[in-house]
Protein backbone atom coordinates (compact mmCIF):
# COMPACT_ATOMS: atom_id res chain seq x y z
CA MET A 1 5.16 29.75 29.31
CA ALA A 2 1.40 29.46 28.81
CA ASP A 3 1.71 30.60 25.19
CA SER A 4 4.29 27.94 24.38
CA MET A 5 2.12 25.27 26.06
CA ASP A 6 -0.84 26.42 23.96
CA THR A 7 1.32 26.21 20.85
CA TYR A 8 2.52 22.71 21.68
CA LEU A 9 -1.01 21.58 22.49
CA TYR A 10 -2.27 23.07 19.22
CA VAL A 11 0.44 21.26 17.24
CA ILE A 12 -0.29 17.97 19.01
CA LEU A 13 -4.02 18.35 18.34
CA LYS A 14 -3.32 19.08 14.66
CA ILE A 15 -1.18 15.95 14.40
CA ILE A 16 -3.87 13.86 16.08
CA PHE A 17 -6.46 15.33 13.70
CA ILE A 18 -4.28 14.50 10.68
CA ILE A 19 -3.85 10.90 11.84
CA ILE A 20 -7.57 10.46 12.54
CA PHE A 21 -8.55 12.13 9.27
CA TRP A 22 -6.29 9.96 7.12
CA ARG A 23 -7.32 6.79 8.97
CA ILE A 24 -10.96 7.64 8.21
CA VAL A 25 -10.05 8.29 4.57
CA ASN A 26 -8.28 4.91 4.50
CA VAL A 27 -11.37 3.14 5.90
CA ILE A 28 -13.68 4.87 3.39
CA ILE A 29 -11.44 4.08 0.42
CA ASN A 30 -11.08 0.45 1.57
CA LYS A 31 -14.88 0.17 1.76
CA LEU A 32 -15.15 1.61 -1.75
CA ILE A 33 -12.57 -0.89 -3.00
CA ASN A 34 -14.41 -3.76 -1.31
CA ASN A 35 -17.76 -2.62 -2.75
CA PHE A 36 -16.23 -2.28 -6.20
CA PHE A 37 -14.84 -5.80 -6.11
CA LYS A 38 -18.12 -7.21 -4.74
CA LEU A 39 -19.45 -6.30 -8.17
CA SER A 40 -16.93 -8.74 -9.67
CA PRO A 41 -19.65 -11.04 -11.12
CA LYS A 42 -20.89 -8.04 -13.10
CA LEU A 43 -17.31 -7.26 -14.09
CA LYS A 44 -16.80 -10.87 -15.24
CA MET A 45 -13.91 -11.30 -12.83
CA ASP A 46 -13.55 -14.50 -10.83
CA GLU A 47 -13.52 -14.35 -7.03
CA LYS A 48 -9.84 -15.29 -6.71
CA LYS A 49 -8.67 -12.51 -8.99
CA SER A 50 -11.07 -10.12 -7.29
CA ASN A 51 -9.60 -10.97 -3.85
CA THR A 52 -6.07 -10.63 -5.19
CA LEU A 53 -6.61 -7.25 -6.84
CA SER A 54 -8.62 -5.83 -3.94
CA GLY A 55 -5.82 -6.76 -1.52
CA LEU A 56 -3.28 -5.13 -3.81
CA MET A 57 -5.38 -1.98 -4.15
CA ARG A 58 -5.85 -1.71 -0.38
CA SER A 59 -2.09 -2.07 0.10
CA ILE A 60 -1.30 0.65 -2.44
CA VAL A 61 -3.86 2.98 -0.84
CA ARG A 62 -2.52 2.29 2.66
CA TYR A 63 1.09 3.15 1.74
CA THR A 64 0.04 6.22 -0.23
CA ILE A 65 -1.93 7.47 2.77
CA TYR A 66 1.04 6.82 5.06
CA ILE A 67 3.24 8.98 2.83
CA ILE A 68 0.66 11.79 2.66
CA MET A 69 0.13 11.62 6.43
CA PHE A 70 3.89 11.75 7.08
CA ILE A 71 4.32 14.79 4.83
CA SER A 72 1.32 16.51 6.45
CA ILE A 73 2.75 15.96 9.92
CA LEU A 74 6.12 17.34 8.82
CA ASN A 75 4.34 20.46 7.53
CA VAL A 76 2.58 20.91 10.89
CA LEU A 77 5.96 20.67 12.61
CA ASN A 78 7.28 23.37 10.24
CA ILE A 79 9.84 21.01 8.75
CA PRO A 80 10.44 21.99 5.11
CA THR A 81 9.18 19.11 3.01
CA GLU A 82 10.39 20.41 -0.35
CA SER A 83 14.01 19.59 0.37
CA ILE A 84 13.04 16.23 1.89
CA LEU A 85 10.98 15.34 -1.19
CA ALA A 86 13.79 16.45 -3.51
CA ALA A 87 16.30 14.36 -1.57
CA ALA A 88 13.87 11.43 -1.57
CA GLY A 89 13.53 11.76 -5.34
CA LEU A 90 17.29 11.70 -5.84
CA GLY A 91 17.61 8.87 -3.33
CA GLY A 92 14.87 7.00 -5.15
CA LEU A 93 16.74 7.40 -8.41
CA ALA A 94 19.95 6.07 -6.85
CA ILE A 95 18.10 3.20 -5.20
CA GLY A 96 16.36 2.48 -8.51
CA PHE A 97 19.68 1.79 -10.17
CA GLY A 98 20.68 -0.49 -7.33
CA ALA A 99 17.32 -2.22 -7.07
CA GLN A 100 16.90 -3.49 -10.59
CA ASN A 101 16.01 -6.96 -9.31
CA LEU A 102 13.26 -5.43 -7.21
CA VAL A 103 11.89 -3.66 -10.28
CA LYS A 104 11.99 -6.95 -12.20
CA ASP A 105 10.07 -8.62 -9.36
CA VAL A 106 7.41 -5.90 -9.39
CA ILE A 107 6.99 -6.16 -13.15
CA SER A 108 6.74 -9.94 -12.85
CA GLY A 109 4.13 -9.42 -10.12
CA PHE A 110 2.04 -7.33 -12.49
CA PHE A 111 2.19 -10.07 -15.11
CA ILE A 112 1.23 -12.71 -12.53
CA LEU A 113 -1.79 -10.65 -11.49
CA PHE A 114 -3.06 -9.63 -14.89
CA GLU A 115 -2.34 -12.84 -16.78
CA ASP A 116 -4.16 -14.93 -14.16
CA GLN A 117 -1.20 -17.25 -13.61
CA TYR A 118 -2.50 -17.90 -10.09
CA ALA A 119 -4.64 -16.12 -7.52
CA VAL A 120 -5.51 -16.18 -3.82
CA GLY A 121 -6.97 -19.57 -2.93
CA ASP A 122 -5.22 -21.51 -5.70
CA TYR A 123 -3.16 -24.57 -4.84
CA VAL A 124 0.35 -24.28 -6.31
CA THR A 125 3.38 -26.54 -6.38
CA ILE A 126 6.84 -24.97 -6.40
CA GLY A 127 9.63 -27.48 -6.66
CA SER A 128 8.78 -30.25 -4.22
CA ALA A 129 6.65 -28.03 -1.96
CA GLY A 130 3.01 -27.15 -2.42
CA GLY A 131 0.41 -25.03 -0.70
CA THR A 132 -2.48 -22.63 -0.98
CA VAL A 133 -1.82 -19.07 -2.10
CA GLU A 134 -2.69 -16.80 0.84
CA GLU A 135 -1.68 -13.42 -0.59
CA VAL A 136 -0.34 -12.14 -3.89
CA GLY A 137 1.59 -8.88 -3.89
CA LEU A 138 3.59 -7.11 -6.54
CA ARG A 139 6.86 -8.60 -5.36
CA THR A 140 6.01 -11.61 -3.22
CA THR A 141 3.46 -14.36 -2.95
CA LYS A 142 2.61 -15.91 0.42
CA ILE A 143 1.82 -19.61 0.38
CA ARG A 144 0.51 -21.71 3.27
CA ALA A 145 1.92 -25.23 3.11
CA PHE A 146 0.06 -28.14 4.65
């Protein structure tokens, strides 16, 4: 009984360590991203584009870390990740065929970001509505109307 409790406690501590470790990594990488984009005057990048790209980079890093953390926790729990990753790859392929509009949206998002069509802080008018761009992602843009 004591051995199994020690084992469970050890597994729980490993999971807590993994979560804390990856959260620290996330904070460090976000600070590096912020510091990099603070150099935007030296990079000849305007503040709006800098804010937009830094937000996008932080989002990509956050989701990548979530995936790595999830896989690490599965390994600690002795759940075979190879078959899960293979199934996820096949599932991703199947979803990819069904999500062609999503892929088009993401590609359009890249063009919006890199062609400077608009950025965070810009005022835009869409149809009869207008507002300030709050956040630009790869697939969506959040606008605050007044």
